[in-house]
């Protein structure tokens, strides 16, 4: 579960890639035409959002908890965080977990659920 740290949206190496589908969805969400959205929010290369202040996502808003101004329409890449192909490697997932407090909570909860399931099935033979 997202802990709203905003860390995944503000990583120095982070680039928010967008597809044409993402652009259409976010532009509609903001009530903008696609060309106007691209002109204002998409980098010249055409496949990523422009950076906000301090290499943060341009749609990241500060407050008590970080929030995404386009959360309901956010890019697919953001929707899949942290379950990216790059994070299948345990070292990469561990690095992501240092940025994302929700990953550690998810892992702990998953371990707890698996332990409960083993107990129910009688396969947990620890004394």
Foldseek 3Di string as FASTA:
>chain_A
DAPQAQLQQQDPPDWAFADPQLLVLQCVVVVHDSVVCCVVFNDPVRTTGDADPNRGHVQWDDDPGIDGNRVVSHGPVVVCPPVDPVVVPVVNVVVVCVRGVVSVVVVVVVVVVVVVVCVVVVNPPDD
